[in-house]
Amino acid sequence: MASGSMKREISETHDTLRFGLNAGVKADLAPPHPLQSTIQSEAKFWADKKKFGTEAIYGSALNIRKDLDAQILSRFQRPPGALPSSLLGYEALTGSLDDFGFEDYLNSKTFCHCY
C-alpha cells in the first residue's frame, strides 16, 4: 500500500523515491512477506475449524450470536479526542489478547495494526 495518506492514481507515473521499487498494483495485492499469507491462511483455517466444532456441539445459534457480538464490538470506538480508541472487548472476544506478534516483540507502532 501507499505510505501514509498519499494515494496513487492509476494514470500517474510511478514515483520510485516515494513508493519504492516494487510499488505497483501487484505489490498492493500481494502481502509484504510470504510468511504473512501463510499465517493468515492458517489462522483462518483454525477459526473455521473451531466454528465447525462449536456448531456441532452447541448448534448454529451460538456461532450466529458470536458473529453478531463481534460485529458490534468491532464498531465500538471512542469519540475523537485525546485518548486513542482500543477495541478491548473485540480483542477479548476473538482471543487476540493472548497473541504475541512481531509488533509486540519489536515494540514499534509502525508494525502494530491497533494505532
PDB file of N, CA and C in Angstrom:
ATOM      1  N   MET A   1       0.827  -1.173   0.000  1.00  0.00           N
ATOM      2  CA  MET A   1       0.000   0.000   0.000  1.00  0.00           C
ATOM      3  C   MET A   1       0.873   1.239   0.000  1.00  0.00           C
ATOM      4  N   ALA A   2       0.277   2.330  -0.345  1.00  0.00           N
ATOM      5  CA  ALA A   2       0.996   3.590  -0.349  1.00  0.00           C
ATOM      6  C   ALA A   2       1.263   4.013   1.080  1.00  0.00           C
ATOM      7  N   SER A   3       2.377   4.672   1.284  1.00  0.00           N
ATOM      8  CA  SER A   3       2.740   5.065   2.636  1.00  0.00           C
ATOM      9  C   SER A   3       1.933   6.274   3.083  1.00  0.00           C
ATOM     10  N   GLY A   4       1.477   6.234   4.329  1.00  0.00           N
ATOM     11  CA  GLY A   4       0.766   7.369   4.905  1.00  0.00           C
ATOM     12  C   GLY A   4      -0.553   7.634   4.235  1.00  0.00           C
ATOM     13  N   SER A   5      -0.829   8.916   4.059  1.00  0.00           N
ATOM     14  CA  SER A   5      -2.108   9.295   3.478  1.00  0.00           C
ATOM     15  C   SER A   5      -1.999   9.592   1.989  1.00  0.00           C
ATOM     16  N   MET A   6      -0.840   9.345   1.395  1.00  0.00           N
ATOM     17  CA  MET A   6      -0.666   9.615  -0.022  1.00  0.00           C
ATOM     18  C   MET A   6      -1.325   8.510  -0.835  1.00  0.00           C
ATOM     19  N   LYS A   7      -2.145   8.903  -1.788  1.00  0.00           N
ATOM     20  CA  LYS A   7      -2.808   7.941  -2.651  1.00  0.00           C
ATOM     21  C   LYS A   7      -2.221   8.040  -4.044  1.00  0.00           C
ATOM     22  N   ARG A   8      -2.190   6.895  -4.703  1.00  0.00           N
ATOM     23  CA  ARG A   8      -1.688   6.871  -6.068  1.00  0.00           C
ATOM     24  C   ARG A   8      -2.841   6.711  -7.031  1.00  0.00           C
ATOM     25  N   GLU A   9      -2.750   7.377  -8.104  1.00  0.00           N
ATOM     26  CA  GLU A   9      -3.726   7.236  -9.176  1.00  0.00           C
ATOM     27  C   GLU A   9      -3.151   6.276 -10.208  1.00  0.00           C
ATOM     28  N   ILE A  10      -4.023   5.580 -10.897  1.00  0.00           N
ATOM     29  CA  ILE A  10      -3.565   4.628 -11.904  1.00  0.00           C
ATOM     30  C   ILE A  10      -2.897   5.347 -13.060  1.00  0.00           C
ATOM     31  N   SER A  11      -3.389   6.537 -13.402  1.00  0.00           N
ATOM     32  CA  SER A  11      -2.848   7.251 -14.551  1.00  0.00           C
ATOM     33  C   SER A  11      -1.521   7.948 -14.249  1.00  0.00           C
ATOM     34  N   GLU A  12      -1.138   8.046 -12.979  1.00  0.00           N
ATOM     35  CA  GLU A  12       0.114   8.710 -12.629  1.00  0.00           C
ATOM     36  C   GLU A  12       1.315   7.855 -13.004  1.00  0.00           C
ATOM     37  N   THR A  13       2.445   8.499 -13.187  1.00  0.00           N
ATOM     38  CA  THR A  13       3.684   7.759 -13.386  1.00  0.00           C
ATOM     39  C   THR A  13       4.189   7.277 -12.032  1.00  0.00           C
ATOM     40  N   HIS A  14       4.980   6.253 -12.048  1.00  0.00           N
ATOM     41  CA  HIS A  14       5.476   5.646 -10.820  1.00  0.00           C
ATOM     42  C   HIS A  14       6.595   6.492 -10.221  1.00  0.00           C
ATOM     43  N   ASP A  15       6.451   6.893  -8.983  1.00  0.00           N
ATOM     44  CA  ASP A  15       7.461   7.672  -8.277  1.00  0.00           C
ATOM     45  C   ASP A  15       8.268   6.725  -7.395  1.00  0.00           C
ATOM     46  N   THR A  16       9.443   6.340  -7.859  1.00  0.00           N
ATOM     47  CA  THR A  16      10.256   5.347  -7.169  1.00  0.00           C
ATOM     48  C   THR A  16      10.753   5.846  -5.823  1.00  0.00           C
ATOM     49  N   LEU A  17      11.083   7.123  -5.709  1.00  0.00           N
ATOM     50  CA  LEU A  17      11.591   7.648  -4.441  1.00  0.00           C
ATOM     51  C   LEU A  17      10.521   7.629  -3.356  1.00  0.00           C
ATOM     52  N   ARG A  18       9.267   7.829  -3.714  1.00  0.00           N
ATOM     53  CA  ARG A  18       8.196   7.844  -2.731  1.00  0.00           C
ATOM     54  C   ARG A  18       7.654   6.472  -2.402  1.00  0.00           C
ATOM     55  N   PHE A  19       7.451   5.651  -3.419  1.00  0.00           N
ATOM     56  CA  PHE A  19       6.732   4.403  -3.232  1.00  0.00           C
ATOM     57  C   PHE A  19       7.607   3.157  -3.319  1.00  0.00           C
ATOM     58  N   GLY A  20       8.880   3.276  -3.581  1.00  0.00           N
ATOM     59  CA  GLY A  20       9.756   2.120  -3.643  1.00  0.00           C
ATOM     60  C   GLY A  20       9.819   1.507  -5.027  1.00  0.00           C
ATOM     61  N   LEU A  21      10.648   0.476  -5.158  1.00  0.00           N
ATOM     62  CA  LEU A  21      10.874  -0.141  -6.460  1.00  0.00           C
ATOM     63  C   LEU A  21       9.691  -0.974  -6.933  1.00  0.00           C
ATOM     64  N   ASN A  22       9.118  -1.784  -6.046  1.00  0.00           N
ATOM     65  CA  ASN A  22       8.062  -2.706  -6.446  1.00  0.00           C
ATOM     66  C   ASN A  22       6.708  -2.254  -5.940  1.00  0.00           C
ATOM     67  N   ALA A  23       6.385  -1.007  -6.069  1.00  0.00           N
ATOM     68  CA  ALA A  23       5.134  -0.484  -5.534  1.00  0.00           C
ATOM     69  C   ALA A  23       4.076  -0.362  -6.613  1.00  0.00           C
ATOM     70  N   GLY A  24       3.903  -1.386  -7.400  1.00  0.00           N
ATOM     71  CA  GLY A  24       2.864  -1.374  -8.415  1.00  0.00           C
ATOM     72  C   GLY A  24       1.589  -1.998  -7.884  1.00  0.00           C
ATOM     73  N   VAL A  25       0.698  -2.334  -8.770  1.00  0.00           N
ATOM     74  CA  VAL A  25      -0.568  -2.955  -8.387  1.00  0.00           C
ATOM     75  C   VAL A  25      -0.312  -4.323  -7.775  1.00  0.00           C
ATOM     76  N   LYS A  26       0.642  -5.059  -8.304  1.00  0.00           N
ATOM     77  CA  LYS A  26       0.967  -6.380  -7.774  1.00  0.00           C
ATOM     78  C   LYS A  26       1.435  -6.280  -6.323  1.00  0.00           C
ATOM     79  N   ALA A  27       2.204  -5.265  -5.982  1.00  0.00           N
ATOM     80  CA  ALA A  27       2.679  -5.086  -4.613  1.00  0.00           C
ATOM     81  C   ALA A  27       1.540  -4.731  -3.672  1.00  0.00           C
ATOM     82  N   ASP A  28       0.499  -4.048  -4.188  1.00  0.00           N
ATOM     83  CA  ASP A  28      -0.653  -3.727  -3.352  1.00  0.00           C
ATOM     84  C   ASP A  28      -1.486  -4.963  -3.057  1.00  0.00           C
ATOM     85  N   LEU A  29      -1.534  -5.907  -3.968  1.00  0.00           N
ATOM     86  CA  LEU A  29      -2.350  -7.101  -3.786  1.00  0.00           C
ATOM     87  C   LEU A  29      -1.635  -8.187  -2.990  1.00  0.00           C
ATOM     88  N   ALA A  30      -0.354  -8.308  -3.171  1.00  0.00           N
ATOM     89  CA  ALA A  30       0.404  -9.351  -2.500  1.00  0.00           C
ATOM     90  C   ALA A  30       0.781  -8.903  -1.092  1.00  0.00           C
ATOM     91  N   PRO A  31       0.883  -9.843  -0.142  1.00  0.00           N
ATOM     92  CA  PRO A  31       1.318  -9.464   1.203  1.00  0.00           C
ATOM     93  C   PRO A  31       2.782  -9.036   1.184  1.00  0.00           C
ATOM     94  N   PRO A  32       3.184  -8.223   2.164  1.00  0.00           N
ATOM     95  CA  PRO A  32       4.561  -7.732   2.179  1.00  0.00           C
ATOM     96  C   PRO A  32       5.596  -8.843   2.361  1.00  0.00           C
ATOM     97  N   HIS A  33       5.217  -9.928   3.005  1.00  0.00           N
ATOM     98  CA  HIS A  33       6.150 -11.013   3.258  1.00  0.00           C
ATOM     99  C   HIS A  33       5.455 -12.336   2.970  1.00  0.00           C
ATOM    100  N   PRO A  34       6.138 -13.310   2.368  1.00  0.00           N
ATOM    101  CA  PRO A  34       5.490 -14.591   2.051  1.00  0.00           C
ATOM    102  C   PRO A  34       4.956 -15.327   3.291  1.00  0.00           C
ATOM    103  N   LEU A  35       5.603 -15.150   4.413  1.00  0.00           N
ATOM    104  CA  LEU A  35       5.151 -15.819   5.627  1.00  0.00           C
ATOM    105  C   LEU A  35       3.829 -15.248   6.130  1.00  0.00           C
ATOM    106  N   GLN A  36       3.548 -13.998   5.818  1.00  0.00           N
ATOM    107  CA  GLN A  36       2.320 -13.361   6.277  1.00  0.00           C
ATOM    108  C   GLN A  36       1.084 -14.039   5.691  1.00  0.00           C
ATOM    109  N   SER A  37       1.125 -14.423   4.423  1.00  0.00           N
ATOM    110  CA  SER A  37      -0.022 -15.103   3.817  1.00  0.00           C
ATOM    111  C   SER A  37      -0.226 -16.475   4.434  1.00  0.00           C
ATOM    112  N   THR A  38       0.850 -17.158   4.795  1.00  0.00           N
ATOM    113  CA  THR A  38       0.737 -18.458   5.451  1.00  0.00           C
ATOM    114  C   THR A  38       0.125 -18.319   6.833  1.00  0.00           C
ATOM    115  N   ILE A  39       0.534 -17.320   7.576  1.00  0.00           N
ATOM    116  CA  ILE A  39      -0.009 -17.089   8.914  1.00  0.00           C
ATOM    117  C   ILE A  39      -1.496 -16.761   8.828  1.00  0.00           C
ATOM    118  N   GLN A  40      -1.888 -15.928   7.865  1.00  0.00           N
ATOM    119  CA  GLN A  40      -3.298 -15.564   7.719  1.00  0.00           C
ATOM    120  C   GLN A  40      -4.142 -16.752   7.305  1.00  0.00           C
ATOM    121  N   SER A  41      -3.648 -17.572   6.389  1.00  0.00           N
ATOM    122  CA  SER A  41      -4.434 -18.733   5.956  1.00  0.00           C
ATOM    123  C   SER A  41      -4.548 -19.764   7.072  1.00  0.00           C
ATOM    124  N   GLU A  42      -3.492 -19.923   7.870  1.00  0.00           N
ATOM    125  CA  GLU A  42      -3.560 -20.866   8.990  1.00  0.00           C
ATOM    126  C   GLU A  42      -4.525 -20.369  10.066  1.00  0.00           C
ATOM    127  N   ALA A  43      -4.527 -19.073  10.331  1.00  0.00           N
ATOM    128  CA  ALA A  43      -5.459 -18.516  11.311  1.00  0.00           C
ATOM    129  C   ALA A  43      -6.896 -18.689  10.843  1.00  0.00           C
ATOM    130  N   LYS A  44      -7.149 -18.503   9.555  1.00  0.00           N
ATOM    131  CA  LYS A  44      -8.495 -18.688   9.022  1.00  0.00           C
ATOM    132  C   LYS A  44      -8.904 -20.155   9.101  1.00  0.00           C
ATOM    133  N   PHE A  45      -7.988 -21.068   8.820  1.00  0.00           N
ATOM    134  CA  PHE A  45      -8.280 -22.495   8.886  1.00  0.00           C
ATOM    135  C   PHE A  45      -8.699 -22.896  10.298  1.00  0.00           C
ATOM    136  N   TRP A  46      -7.931 -22.451  11.314  1.00  0.00           N
ATOM    137  CA  TRP A  46      -8.259 -22.836  12.681  1.00  0.00           C
ATOM    138  C   TRP A  46      -9.520 -22.155  13.189  1.00  0.00           C
ATOM    139  N   ALA A  47      -9.788 -20.940  12.721  1.00  0.00           N
ATOM    140  CA  ALA A  47     -11.037 -20.262  13.098  1.00  0.00           C
ATOM    141  C   ALA A  47     -12.240 -21.008  12.509  1.00  0.00           C
ATOM    142  N   ASP A  48     -12.123 -21.449  11.256  1.00  0.00           N
ATOM    143  CA  ASP A  48     -13.211 -22.216  10.648  1.00  0.00           C
ATOM    144  C   ASP A  48     -13.406 -23.558  11.341  1.00  0.00           C
ATOM    145  N   LYS A  49     -12.304 -24.188  11.710  1.00  0.00           N
ATOM    146  CA  LYS A  49     -12.380 -25.489  12.401  1.00  0.00           C
ATOM    147  C   LYS A  49     -13.039 -25.326  13.777  1.00  0.00           C
ATOM    148  N   LYS A  50     -12.694 -24.256  14.475  1.00  0.00           N
ATOM    149  CA  LYS A  50     -13.294 -24.001  15.785  1.00  0.00           C
ATOM    150  C   LYS A  50     -14.784 -23.687  15.640  1.00  0.00           C
ATOM    151  N   LYS A  51     -15.129 -22.927  14.610  1.00  0.00           N
ATOM    152  CA  LYS A  51     -16.529 -22.602  14.353  1.00  0.00           C
ATOM    153  C   LYS A  51     -17.331 -23.863  14.030  1.00  0.00           C
ATOM    154  N   PHE A  52     -16.754 -24.764  13.251  1.00  0.00           N
ATOM    155  CA  PHE A  52     -17.421 -26.021  12.913  1.00  0.00           C
ATOM    156  C   PHE A  52     -17.618 -26.872  14.168  1.00  0.00           C
ATOM    157  N   GLY A  53     -16.619 -26.892  15.044  1.00  0.00           N
ATOM    158  CA  GLY A  53     -16.732 -27.676  16.277  1.00  0.00           C
ATOM    159  C   GLY A  53     -17.802 -27.129  17.218  1.00  0.00           C
ATOM    160  N   THR A  54     -17.855 -25.817  17.382  1.00  0.00           N
ATOM    161  CA  THR A  54     -18.882 -25.240  18.257  1.00  0.00           C
ATOM    162  C   THR A  54     -20.274 -25.423  17.663  1.00  0.00           C
ATOM    163  N   GLU A  55     -20.382 -25.420  16.333  1.00  0.00           N
ATOM    164  CA  GLU A  55     -21.685 -25.662  15.715  1.00  0.00           C
ATOM    165  C   GLU A  55     -22.117 -27.108  15.914  1.00  0.00           C
ATOM    166  N   ALA A  56     -21.176 -28.038  15.878  1.00  0.00           N
ATOM    167  CA  ALA A  56     -21.513 -29.442  16.083  1.00  0.00           C
ATOM    168  C   ALA A  56     -21.943 -29.705  17.523  1.00  0.00           C
ATOM    169  N   ILE A  57     -21.344 -28.982  18.472  1.00  0.00           N
ATOM    170  CA  ILE A  57     -21.653 -29.224  19.884  1.00  0.00           C
ATOM    171  C   ILE A  57     -22.867 -28.417  20.338  1.00  0.00           C
ATOM    172  N   TYR A  58     -22.882 -27.115  20.049  1.00  0.00           N
ATOM    173  CA  TYR A  58     -23.897 -26.224  20.615  1.00  0.00           C
ATOM    174  C   TYR A  58     -24.985 -25.809  19.619  1.00  0.00           C
ATOM    175  N   GLY A  59     -24.813 -26.067  18.347  1.00  0.00           N
ATOM    176  CA  GLY A  59     -25.781 -25.637  17.350  1.00  0.00           C
ATOM    177  C   GLY A  59     -25.340 -24.337  16.695  1.00  0.00           C
ATOM    178  N   SER A  60     -26.083 -23.927  15.680  1.00  0.00           N
ATOM    179  CA  SER A  60     -25.673 -22.757  14.906  1.00  0.00           C
ATOM    180  C   SER A  60     -25.991 -21.438  15.601  1.00  0.00           C
ATOM    181  N   ALA A  61     -26.865 -21.449  16.608  1.00  0.00           N
ATOM    182  CA  ALA A  61     -27.245 -20.198  17.277  1.00  0.00           C
ATOM    183  C   ALA A  61     -26.057 -19.555  17.995  1.00  0.00           C
ATOM    184  N   LEU A  62     -25.182 -20.366  18.566  1.00  0.00           N
ATOM    185  CA  LEU A  62     -24.022 -19.812  19.269  1.00  0.00           C
ATOM    186  C   LEU A  62     -23.082 -19.091  18.302  1.00  0.00           C
ATOM    187  N   ASN A  63     -22.838 -19.690  17.145  1.00  0.00           N
ATOM    188  CA  ASN A  63     -21.967 -19.039  16.160  1.00  0.00           C
ATOM    189  C   ASN A  63     -22.580 -17.753  15.633  1.00  0.00           C
ATOM    190  N   ILE A  64     -23.900 -17.749  15.448  1.00  0.00           N
ATOM    191  CA  ILE A  64     -24.566 -16.531  14.982  1.00  0.00           C
ATOM    192  C   ILE A  64     -24.445 -15.439  16.038  1.00  0.00           C
ATOM    193  N   ARG A  65     -24.631 -15.808  17.299  1.00  0.00           N
ATOM    194  CA  ARG A  65     -24.520 -14.819  18.370  1.00  0.00           C
ATOM    195  C   ARG A  65     -23.086 -14.291  18.492  1.00  0.00           C
ATOM    196  N   LYS A  66     -22.100 -15.175  18.383  1.00  0.00           N
ATOM    197  CA  LYS A  66     -20.705 -14.727  18.445  1.00  0.00           C
ATOM    198  C   LYS A  66     -20.367 -13.795  17.278  1.00  0.00           C
ATOM    199  N   ASP A  67     -20.905 -14.084  16.090  1.00  0.00           N
ATOM    200  CA  ASP A  67     -20.670 -13.210  14.940  1.00  0.00           C
ATOM    201  C   ASP A  67     -21.309 -11.844  15.155  1.00  0.00           C
ATOM    202  N   LEU A  68     -22.533 -11.820  15.700  1.00  0.00           N
ATOM    203  CA  LEU A  68     -23.187 -10.540  15.970  1.00  0.00           C
ATOM    204  C   LEU A  68     -22.431  -9.746  17.037  1.00  0.00           C
ATOM    205  N   ASP A  69     -21.985 -10.422  18.083  1.00  0.00           N
ATOM    206  CA  ASP A  69     -21.193  -9.746  19.114  1.00  0.00           C
ATOM    207  C   ASP A  69     -19.897  -9.187  18.538  1.00  0.00           C
ATOM    208  N   ALA A  70     -19.255  -9.949  17.658  1.00  0.00           N
ATOM    209  CA  ALA A  70     -18.010  -9.490  17.039  1.00  0.00           C
ATOM    210  C   ALA A  70     -18.263  -8.266  16.153  1.00  0.00           C
ATOM    211  N   GLN A  71     -19.384  -8.253  15.428  1.00  0.00           N
ATOM    212  CA  GLN A  71     -19.702  -7.092  14.596  1.00  0.00           C
ATOM    213  C   GLN A  71     -19.952  -5.854  15.440  1.00  0.00           C
ATOM    214  N   ILE A  72     -20.672  -6.025  16.546  1.00  0.00           N
ATOM    215  CA  ILE A  72     -20.961  -4.885  17.418  1.00  0.00           C
ATOM    216  C   ILE A  72     -19.685  -4.362  18.063  1.00  0.00           C
ATOM    217  N   LEU A  73     -18.871  -5.265  18.600  1.00  0.00           N
ATOM    218  CA  LEU A  73     -17.664  -4.838  19.305  1.00  0.00           C
ATOM    219  C   LEU A  73     -16.583  -4.299  18.363  1.00  0.00           C
ATOM    220  N   SER A  74     -16.589  -4.718  17.110  1.00  0.00           N
ATOM    221  CA  SER A  74     -15.580  -4.205  16.174  1.00  0.00           C
ATOM    222  C   SER A  74     -15.896  -2.777  15.743  1.00  0.00           C
ATOM    223  N   ARG A  75     -17.142  -2.339  15.883  1.00  0.00           N
ATOM    224  CA  ARG A  75     -17.505  -0.980  15.511  1.00  0.00           C
ATOM    225  C   ARG A  75     -17.448  -0.012  16.679  1.00  0.00           C
ATOM    226  N   PHE A  76     -17.317  -0.510  17.897  1.00  0.00           N
ATOM    227  CA  PHE A  76     -17.314   0.355  19.072  1.00  0.00           C
ATOM    228  C   PHE A  76     -16.002   1.127  19.126  1.00  0.00           C
ATOM    229  N   GLN A  77     -16.110   2.456  19.159  1.00  0.00           N
ATOM    230  CA  GLN A  77     -14.929   3.297  19.253  1.00  0.00           C
ATOM    231  C   GLN A  77     -15.247   4.503  20.121  1.00  0.00           C
ATOM    232  N   ARG A  78     -14.229   5.080  20.712  1.00  0.00           N
ATOM    233  CA  ARG A  78     -14.402   6.310  21.473  1.00  0.00           C
ATOM    234  C   ARG A  78     -14.616   7.470  20.519  1.00  0.00           C
ATOM    235  N   PRO A  79     -15.251   8.542  21.012  1.00  0.00           N
ATOM    236  CA  PRO A  79     -15.323   9.747  20.175  1.00  0.00           C
ATOM    237  C   PRO A  79     -13.923  10.309  19.962  1.00  0.00           C
ATOM    238  N   PRO A  80     -13.721  11.050  18.883  1.00  0.00           N
ATOM    239  CA  PRO A  80     -12.391  11.598  18.631  1.00  0.00           C
ATOM    240  C   PRO A  80     -11.953  12.513  19.776  1.00  0.00           C
ATOM    241  N   GLY A  81     -10.723  12.382  20.147  1.00  0.00           N
ATOM    242  CA  GLY A  81     -10.209  13.197  21.243  1.00  0.00           C
ATOM    243  C   GLY A  81      -8.782  12.831  21.560  1.00  0.00           C
ATOM    244  N   ALA A  82      -8.415  13.058  22.802  1.00  0.00           N
ATOM    245  CA  ALA A  82      -7.034  12.852  23.220  1.00  0.00           C
ATOM    246  C   ALA A  82      -6.693  11.376  23.376  1.00  0.00           C
ATOM    247  N   LEU A  83      -7.649  10.563  23.807  1.00  0.00           N
ATOM    248  CA  LEU A  83      -7.358   9.156  24.057  1.00  0.00           C
ATOM    249  C   LEU A  83      -7.572   8.325  22.802  1.00  0.00           C
ATOM    250  N   PRO A  84      -6.630   7.446  22.484  1.00  0.00           N
ATOM    251  CA  PRO A  84      -6.839   6.576  21.331  1.00  0.00           C
ATOM    252  C   PRO A  84      -7.878   5.501  21.669  1.00  0.00           C
ATOM    253  N   SER A  85      -8.611   5.083  20.673  1.00  0.00           N
ATOM    254  CA  SER A  85      -9.645   4.083  20.878  1.00  0.00           C
ATOM    255  C   SER A  85      -9.023   2.698  20.836  1.00  0.00           C
ATOM    256  N   SER A  86      -9.380   1.869  21.789  1.00  0.00           N
ATOM    257  CA  SER A  86      -8.916   0.487  21.785  1.00  0.00           C
ATOM    258  C   SER A  86     -10.128  -0.420  21.668  1.00  0.00           C
ATOM    259  N   LEU A  87      -9.947  -1.517  21.026  1.00  0.00           N
ATOM    260  CA  LEU A  87     -11.021  -2.473  20.832  1.00  0.00           C
ATOM    261  C   LEU A  87     -10.838  -3.633  21.809  1.00  0.00           C
ATOM    262  N   LEU A  88     -10.817  -3.333  23.087  1.00  0.00           N
ATOM    263  CA  LEU A  88     -10.526  -4.334  24.110  1.00  0.00           C
ATOM    264  C   LEU A  88     -11.574  -5.436  24.127  1.00  0.00           C
ATOM    265  N   GLY A  89     -12.852  -5.084  24.018  1.00  0.00           N
ATOM    266  CA  GLY A  89     -13.911  -6.090  24.022  1.00  0.00           C
ATOM    267  C   GLY A  89     -13.802  -7.026  22.836  1.00  0.00           C
ATOM    268  N   TYR A  90     -13.510  -6.468  21.661  1.00  0.00           N
ATOM    269  CA  TYR A  90     -13.357  -7.290  20.461  1.00  0.00           C
ATOM    270  C   TYR A  90     -12.132  -8.192  20.567  1.00  0.00           C
ATOM    271  N   GLU A  91     -11.042  -7.664  21.099  1.00  0.00           N
ATOM    272  CA  GLU A  91      -9.838  -8.471  21.258  1.00  0.00           C
ATOM    273  C   GLU A  91     -10.049  -9.590  22.270  1.00  0.00           C
ATOM    274  N   ALA A  92     -10.834  -9.325  23.311  1.00  0.00           N
ATOM    275  CA  ALA A  92     -11.132 -10.372  24.293  1.00  0.00           C
ATOM    276  C   ALA A  92     -12.033 -11.445  23.686  1.00  0.00           C
ATOM    277  N   LEU A  93     -12.988 -11.039  22.852  1.00  0.00           N
ATOM    278  CA  LEU A  93     -13.896 -11.990  22.216  1.00  0.00           C
ATOM    279  C   LEU A  93     -13.170 -12.879  21.216  1.00  0.00           C
ATOM    280  N   THR A  94     -12.292 -12.289  20.425  1.00  0.00           N
ATOM    281  CA  THR A  94     -11.594 -13.057  19.391  1.00  0.00           C
ATOM    282  C   THR A  94     -10.379 -13.807  19.930  1.00  0.00           C
ATOM    283  N   GLY A  95      -9.925 -13.463  21.123  1.00  0.00           N
ATOM    284  CA  GLY A  95      -8.761 -14.136  21.689  1.00  0.00           C
ATOM    285  C   GLY A  95      -7.444 -13.556  21.237  1.00  0.00           C
ATOM    286  N   SER A  96      -7.463 -12.384  20.610  1.00  0.00           N
ATOM    287  CA  SER A  96      -6.210 -11.795  20.134  1.00  0.00           C
ATOM    288  C   SER A  96      -5.423 -11.115  21.252  1.00  0.00           C
ATOM    289  N   LEU A  97      -5.979 -11.062  22.457  1.00  0.00           N
ATOM    290  CA  LEU A  97      -5.218 -10.522  23.593  1.00  0.00           C
ATOM    291  C   LEU A  97      -4.048 -11.434  23.950  1.00  0.00           C
ATOM    292  N   ASP A  98      -4.208 -12.713  23.678  1.00  0.00           N
ATOM    293  CA  ASP A  98      -3.176 -13.684  24.035  1.00  0.00           C
ATOM    294  C   ASP A  98      -2.099 -13.833  22.972  1.00  0.00           C
ATOM    295  N   ASP A  99      -2.306 -13.219  21.806  1.00  0.00           N
ATOM    296  CA  ASP A  99      -1.337 -13.343  20.721  1.00  0.00           C
ATOM    297  C   ASP A  99      -0.132 -12.457  20.989  1.00  0.00           C
ATOM    298  N   PHE A 100       1.026 -12.980  20.676  1.00  0.00           N
ATOM    299  CA  PHE A 100       2.271 -12.233  20.816  1.00  0.00           C
ATOM    300  C   PHE A 100       2.898 -12.170  19.433  1.00  0.00           C
ATOM    301  N   GLY A 101       2.695 -11.049  18.733  1.00  0.00           N
ATOM    302  CA  GLY A 101       3.147 -10.925  17.358  1.00  0.00           C
ATOM    303  C   GLY A 101       4.469 -10.206  17.224  1.00  0.00           C
ATOM    304  N   PHE A 102       4.854  -9.989  15.972  1.00  0.00           N
ATOM    305  CA  PHE A 102       6.105  -9.297  15.691  1.00  0.00           C
ATOM    306  C   PHE A 102       6.090  -7.875  16.230  1.00  0.00           C
ATOM    307  N   GLU A 103       4.923  -7.217  16.145  1.00  0.00           N
ATOM    308  CA  GLU A 103       4.847  -5.833  16.602  1.00  0.00           C
ATOM    309  C   GLU A 103       5.055  -5.722  18.107  1.00  0.00           C
ATOM    310  N   ASP A 104       4.696  -6.768  18.867  1.00  0.00           N
ATOM    311  CA  ASP A 104       4.925  -6.755  20.306  1.00  0.00           C
ATOM    312  C   ASP A 104       6.407  -6.942  20.625  1.00  0.00           C
ATOM    313  N   TYR A 105       7.062  -7.787  19.862  1.00  0.00           N
ATOM    314  CA  TYR A 105       8.478  -8.053  20.086  1.00  0.00           C
ATOM    315  C   TYR A 105       9.317  -6.830  19.721  1.00  0.00           C
ATOM    316  N   LEU A 106       8.981  -6.192  18.624  1.00  0.00           N
ATOM    317  CA  LEU A 106       9.759  -5.050  18.161  1.00  0.00           C
ATOM    318  C   LEU A 106       9.389  -3.765  18.881  1.00  0.00           C
ATOM    319  N   ASN A 107       8.202  -3.735  19.523  1.00  0.00           N
ATOM    320  CA  ASN A 107       7.720  -2.573  20.270  1.00  0.00           C
ATOM    321  C   ASN A 107       7.704  -1.329  19.386  1.00  0.00           C
ATOM    322  N   SER A 108       7.181  -1.508  18.191  1.00  0.00           N
ATOM    323  CA  SER A 108       7.126  -0.411  17.246  1.00  0.00           C
ATOM    324  C   SER A 108       5.680  -0.143  16.853  1.00  0.00           C
ATOM    325  N   LYS A 109       5.290   1.124  16.830  1.00  0.00           N
ATOM    326  CA  LYS A 109       3.916   1.476  16.458  1.00  0.00           C
ATOM    327  C   LYS A 109       3.694   1.324  14.958  1.00  0.00           C
ATOM    328  N   THR A 110       4.755   1.281  14.169  1.00  0.00           N
ATOM    329  CA  THR A 110       4.572   1.152  12.726  1.00  0.00           C
ATOM    330  C   THR A 110       4.100  -0.249  12.333  1.00  0.00           C
ATOM    331  N   PHE A 111       4.446  -1.273  13.109  1.00  0.00           N
ATOM    332  CA  PHE A 111       4.040  -2.629  12.795  1.00  0.00           C
ATOM    333  C   PHE A 111       2.694  -2.998  13.413  1.00  0.00           C
ATOM    334  N   CYS A 112       2.246  -2.245  14.384  1.00  0.00           N
ATOM    335  CA  CYS A 112       1.020  -2.572  15.102  1.00  0.00           C
ATOM    336  C   CYS A 112      -0.190  -2.075  14.327  1.00  0.00           C
ATOM    337  N   HIS A 113      -1.217  -2.902  14.208  1.00  0.00           N
ATOM    338  CA  HIS A 113      -2.428  -2.527  13.496  1.00  0.00           C
ATOM    339  C   HIS A 113      -3.431  -1.814  14.384  1.00  0.00           C
ATOM    340  N   CYS A 114      -3.129  -1.625  15.657  1.00  0.00           N
ATOM    341  CA  CYS A 114      -4.110  -1.064  16.576  1.00  0.00           C
ATOM    342  C   CYS A 114      -3.943   0.449  16.767  1.00  0.00           C
ATOM    343  N   TYR A 115      -2.942   1.085  16.181  1.00  0.00           N
ATOM    344  CA  TYR A 115      -2.765   2.532  16.352  1.00  0.00           C
ATOM    345  C   TYR A 115      -3.313   3.275  15.170  1.00  0.00           C
TER     346      TYR A 115
END
